[in-house]
C-alpha cells in the first residue's frame, strides 16, 4: 500500500521533499508579490527595527518617515530583514544575533542614516525624493539599430 507523502495529503509514494525556495530579493519582485513583501518588510521595520534601533533623527543622522518611497532604503532594509530571519530564526546559530548586529544592522543603519545617504534631503515631517543621476545613453553597448 502506498504511503502518504507528508504535507501533500496524497496517496503517492513518499518522494523527497524539496526545500522551500529562499525568498526573492525585493527588487526582483513586482505586482502583488512586491506589495506583499513590502508590507511584511514594513511591519518588521515599524514593529521590530525602529522601536529597538531607531535612534533620534538629526541632520547628522536623518531618517525619512516615508522610507518606503526611497528604493535604496527598501533594498537595504529588505536585505537586513532577510539576514534577520536567517540569523535569528529557529535553527539559527547561538551567535546569529551578534553576527546580525555586527555584520548587517550596524552597517546598513549607518548607510541609511548617513547625511549623504538616501534620506539626505528629508527632514522630520518633510519627505524629499532623491534625484536619480542622469545618464547620457541608457544602454551604450547595445547593438546598433538595424
C-alpha atoms as a PDB file:
ATOM      1  CA  UNK A   1       0.000   0.000   0.000  1.00  0.00           C
ATOM      2  CA  UNK A   2       1.426   3.439  -0.915  1.00  0.00           C
ATOM      3  CA  UNK A   3       2.482   5.677   1.931  1.00  0.00           C
ATOM      4  CA  UNK A   4       1.219   9.187   2.315  1.00  0.00           C
ATOM      5  CA  UNK A   5       3.600  11.925   1.350  1.00  0.00           C
ATOM      6  CA  UNK A   6       3.720  14.209   4.399  1.00  0.00           C
ATOM      7  CA  UNK A   7       2.489  17.674   3.620  1.00  0.00           C
ATOM      8  CA  UNK A   8       0.744  16.752   0.369  1.00  0.00           C
ATOM      9  CA  UNK A   9      -2.124  14.611   1.610  1.00  0.00           C
ATOM     10  CA  UNK A  10      -1.778  12.366  -1.443  1.00  0.00           C
ATOM     11  CA  UNK A  11      -1.501   8.628  -1.547  1.00  0.00           C
ATOM     12  CA  UNK A  12       1.534   8.845  -3.833  1.00  0.00           C
ATOM     13  CA  UNK A  13       4.674   7.083  -2.745  1.00  0.00           C
ATOM     14  CA  UNK A  14       6.796   9.224  -0.475  1.00  0.00           C
ATOM     15  CA  UNK A  15       9.036  11.491  -2.511  1.00  0.00           C
ATOM     16  CA  UNK A  16      11.877  13.592  -1.196  1.00  0.00           C
ATOM     17  CA  UNK A  17      10.593  16.942  -0.042  1.00  0.00           C
ATOM     18  CA  UNK A  18      12.033  19.849  -1.977  1.00  0.00           C
ATOM     19  CA  UNK A  19      13.344  22.593   0.287  1.00  0.00           C
ATOM     20  CA  UNK A  20      11.378  25.802   0.263  1.00  0.00           C
ATOM     21  CA  UNK A  21      12.816  28.328  -2.148  1.00  0.00           C
ATOM     22  CA  UNK A  22      14.505  31.223  -0.383  1.00  0.00           C
ATOM     23  CA  UNK A  23      12.628  34.492  -0.593  1.00  0.00           C
ATOM     24  CA  UNK A  24      13.460  36.578  -3.625  1.00  0.00           C
ATOM     25  CA  UNK A  25      15.183  39.905  -3.187  1.00  0.00           C
ATOM     26  CA  UNK A  26      12.501  42.577  -3.283  1.00  0.00           C
ATOM     27  CA  UNK A  27      13.959  44.385  -6.299  1.00  0.00           C
ATOM     28  CA  UNK A  28      13.183  41.299  -8.425  1.00  0.00           C
ATOM     29  CA  UNK A  29       9.510  41.300  -7.433  1.00  0.00           C
ATOM     30  CA  UNK A  30       6.581  43.146  -8.956  1.00  0.00           C
ATOM     31  CA  UNK A  31       2.823  43.370  -8.641  1.00  0.00           C
ATOM     32  CA  UNK A  32       1.129  41.519  -5.753  1.00  0.00           C
ATOM     33  CA  UNK A  33       4.353  39.704  -4.759  1.00  0.00           C
ATOM     34  CA  UNK A  34       6.149  43.047  -4.385  1.00  0.00           C
ATOM     35  CA  UNK A  35       3.246  44.593  -2.458  1.00  0.00           C
ATOM     36  CA  UNK A  36       3.014  41.601  -0.101  1.00  0.00           C
ATOM     37  CA  UNK A  37       6.762  41.582   0.576  1.00  0.00           C
ATOM     38  CA  UNK A  38       6.846  45.362   1.102  1.00  0.00           C
ATOM     39  CA  UNK A  39       4.008  45.045   3.621  1.00  0.00           C
ATOM     40  CA  UNK A  40       5.881  42.336   5.529  1.00  0.00           C
ATOM     41  CA  UNK A  41       9.032  44.471   5.473  1.00  0.00           C
ATOM     42  CA  UNK A  42       7.053  47.475   6.691  1.00  0.00           C
ATOM     43  CA  UNK A  43       5.580  45.531   9.615  1.00  0.00           C
ATOM     44  CA  UNK A  44       9.048  44.301  10.643  1.00  0.00           C
ATOM     45  CA  UNK A  45      10.566  47.770  10.224  1.00  0.00           C
ATOM     46  CA  UNK A  46       7.826  49.510  12.232  1.00  0.00           C
ATOM     47  CA  UNK A  47       7.395  46.876  14.961  1.00  0.00           C
ATOM     48  CA  UNK A  48      10.915  45.496  15.422  1.00  0.00           C
ATOM     49  CA  UNK A  49      13.647  47.570  13.812  1.00  0.00           C
ATOM     50  CA  UNK A  50      12.599  51.140  14.583  1.00  0.00           C
ATOM     51  CA  UNK A  51      11.348  50.617  18.161  1.00  0.00           C
ATOM     52  CA  UNK A  52      14.665  48.972  19.080  1.00  0.00           C
ATOM     53  CA  UNK A  53      17.239  50.551  16.735  1.00  0.00           C
ATOM     54  CA  UNK A  54      15.607  53.781  15.528  1.00  0.00           C
ATOM     55  CA  UNK A  55      17.757  56.423  17.182  1.00  0.00           C
ATOM     56  CA  UNK A  56      16.833  60.089  17.315  1.00  0.00           C
ATOM     57  CA  UNK A  57      16.614  61.867  13.974  1.00  0.00           C
ATOM     58  CA  UNK A  58      19.094  64.709  13.499  1.00  0.00           C
ATOM     59  CA  UNK A  59      20.639  66.445  10.491  1.00  0.00           C
ATOM     60  CA  UNK A  60      23.717  64.268  11.082  1.00  0.00           C
ATOM     61  CA  UNK A  61      21.563  61.128  11.261  1.00  0.00           C
ATOM     62  CA  UNK A  62      18.471  61.580   9.071  1.00  0.00           C
ATOM     63  CA  UNK A  63      15.543  59.219   8.684  1.00  0.00           C
ATOM     64  CA  UNK A  64      12.546  59.595   6.399  1.00  0.00           C
ATOM     65  CA  UNK A  65       9.100  58.886   7.825  1.00  0.00           C
ATOM     66  CA  UNK A  66       8.199  57.736   4.287  1.00  0.00           C
ATOM     67  CA  UNK A  67      11.222  55.453   3.883  1.00  0.00           C
ATOM     68  CA  UNK A  68       9.239  53.154   1.539  1.00  0.00           C
ATOM     69  CA  UNK A  69       9.380  55.900  -1.097  1.00  0.00           C
ATOM     70  CA  UNK A  70      13.177  55.523  -1.289  1.00  0.00           C
ATOM     71  CA  UNK A  71      14.130  52.480  -3.420  1.00  0.00           C
ATOM     72  CA  UNK A  72      17.599  52.299  -1.856  1.00  0.00           C
ATOM     73  CA  UNK A  73      16.087  52.174   1.622  1.00  0.00           C
ATOM     74  CA  UNK A  74      13.697  49.413   0.546  1.00  0.00           C
ATOM     75  CA  UNK A  75      16.591  47.390  -0.881  1.00  0.00           C
ATOM     76  CA  UNK A  76      18.836  47.912   2.151  1.00  0.00           C
ATOM     77  CA  UNK A  77      16.082  47.186   4.673  1.00  0.00           C
ATOM     78  CA  UNK A  78      14.916  44.117   2.791  1.00  0.00           C
ATOM     79  CA  UNK A  79      18.438  42.672   2.863  1.00  0.00           C
ATOM     80  CA  UNK A  80      18.612  43.472   6.580  1.00  0.00           C
ATOM     81  CA  UNK A  81      15.268  41.753   7.157  1.00  0.00           C
ATOM     82  CA  UNK A  82      16.331  38.639   5.222  1.00  0.00           C
ATOM     83  CA  UNK A  83      19.524  38.445   7.294  1.00  0.00           C
ATOM     84  CA  UNK A  84      17.422  38.878  10.462  1.00  0.00           C
ATOM     85  CA  UNK A  85      15.302  35.881   9.526  1.00  0.00           C
ATOM     86  CA  UNK A  86      18.357  33.797   8.693  1.00  0.00           C
ATOM     87  CA  UNK A  87      20.379  34.688  11.798  1.00  0.00           C
ATOM     88  CA  UNK A  88      17.712  34.995  14.494  1.00  0.00           C
ATOM     89  CA  UNK A  89      15.072  32.473  13.423  1.00  0.00           C
ATOM     90  CA  UNK A  90      14.599  28.872  14.520  1.00  0.00           C
ATOM     91  CA  UNK A  91      17.678  26.809  13.824  1.00  0.00           C
ATOM     92  CA  UNK A  92      19.998  29.794  13.648  1.00  0.00           C
ATOM     93  CA  UNK A  93      23.317  29.605  15.477  1.00  0.00           C
ATOM     94  CA  UNK A  94      23.505  30.953  19.007  1.00  0.00           C
ATOM     95  CA  UNK A  95      25.903  33.598  17.739  1.00  0.00           C
ATOM     96  CA  UNK A  96      23.446  34.616  14.999  1.00  0.00           C
ATOM     97  CA  UNK A  97      22.054  37.713  16.725  1.00  0.00           C
ATOM     98  CA  UNK A  98      25.572  39.007  17.455  1.00  0.00           C
ATOM     99  CA  UNK A  99      26.572  38.399  13.826  1.00  0.00           C
ATOM    100  CA  UNK A 100      23.399  40.156  12.641  1.00  0.00           C
ATOM    101  CA  UNK A 101      24.221  43.234  14.716  1.00  0.00           C
ATOM    102  CA  UNK A 102      27.877  43.350  13.693  1.00  0.00           C
ATOM    103  CA  UNK A 103      27.675  42.348  10.037  1.00  0.00           C
ATOM    104  CA  UNK A 104      24.271  43.665   8.979  1.00  0.00           C
ATOM    105  CA  UNK A 105      22.370  46.003  11.292  1.00  0.00           C
ATOM    106  CA  UNK A 106      25.186  48.418  12.127  1.00  0.00           C
ATOM    107  CA  UNK A 107      26.487  48.889   8.550  1.00  0.00           C
ATOM    108  CA  UNK A 108      23.013  49.137   6.998  1.00  0.00           C
ATOM    109  CA  UNK A 109      21.723  51.642   9.539  1.00  0.00           C
ATOM    110  CA  UNK A 110      24.934  53.689   9.201  1.00  0.00           C
ATOM    111  CA  UNK A 111      24.451  53.770   5.417  1.00  0.00           C
ATOM    112  CA  UNK A 112      20.777  54.694   5.617  1.00  0.00           C
ATOM    113  CA  UNK A 113      21.302  57.335   8.304  1.00  0.00           C
ATOM    114  CA  UNK A 114      24.379  58.877   6.691  1.00  0.00           C
ATOM    115  CA  UNK A 115      23.918  62.609   5.967  1.00  0.00           C
ATOM    116  CA  UNK A 116      24.701  61.855   2.293  1.00  0.00           C
ATOM    117  CA  UNK A 117      22.557  58.681   2.248  1.00  0.00           C
ATOM    118  CA  UNK A 118      19.115  58.094   0.753  1.00  0.00           C
ATOM    119  CA  UNK A 119      17.387  60.345   3.300  1.00  0.00           C
ATOM    120  CA  UNK A 120      19.768  63.290   2.821  1.00  0.00           C
ATOM    121  CA  UNK A 121      17.042  65.683   1.650  1.00  0.00           C
ATOM    122  CA  UNK A 122      14.429  64.565   4.168  1.00  0.00           C
ATOM    123  CA  UNK A 123      13.695  66.194   7.491  1.00  0.00           C
ATOM    124  CA  UNK A 124      11.162  65.318  10.195  1.00  0.00           C
ATOM    125  CA  UNK A 125       7.743  65.928   8.673  1.00  0.00           C
ATOM    126  CA  UNK A 126       9.188  66.516   5.191  1.00  0.00           C
ATOM    127  CA  UNK A 127       9.934  63.887   2.532  1.00  0.00           C
ATOM    128  CA  UNK A 128      12.061  64.715  -0.485  1.00  0.00           C
ATOM    129  CA  UNK A 129      12.614  62.124  -3.172  1.00  0.00           C
ATOM    130  CA  UNK A 130      16.171  61.585  -4.303  1.00  0.00           C
ATOM    131  CA  UNK A 131      17.029  62.620  -7.835  1.00  0.00           C
ATOM    132  CA  UNK A 132      18.393  59.793  -9.949  1.00  0.00           C
ATOM    133  CA  UNK A 133      21.745  60.544 -11.585  1.00  0.00           C
ATOM    134  CA  UNK A 134      21.441  61.366 -15.279  1.00  0.00           C
ATOM    135  CA  UNK A 135      22.997  59.050 -17.883  1.00  0.00           C
ATOM    136  CA  UNK A 136      23.565  60.039 -21.499  1.00  0.00           C
ATOM    137  CA  UNK A 137      22.578  56.695 -23.028  1.00  0.00           C
ATOM    138  CA  UNK A 138      20.584  54.004 -21.212  1.00  0.00           C
ATOM    139  CA  UNK A 139      22.366  51.101 -22.964  1.00  0.00           C
ATOM    140  CA  UNK A 140      25.576  52.432 -24.557  1.00  0.00           C
ATOM    141  CA  UNK A 141      26.806  48.961 -25.584  1.00  0.00           C
ATOM    142  CA  UNK A 142      23.635  47.753 -27.275  1.00  0.00           C
ATOM    143  CA  UNK A 143      23.947  46.571 -30.894  1.00  0.00           C
ATOM    144  CA  UNK A 144      23.418  49.391 -33.373  1.00  0.00           C
ATOM    145  CA  UNK A 145      19.876  49.773 -34.707  1.00  0.00           C
ATOM    146  CA  UNK A 146      19.158  47.761 -37.856  1.00  0.00           C
END
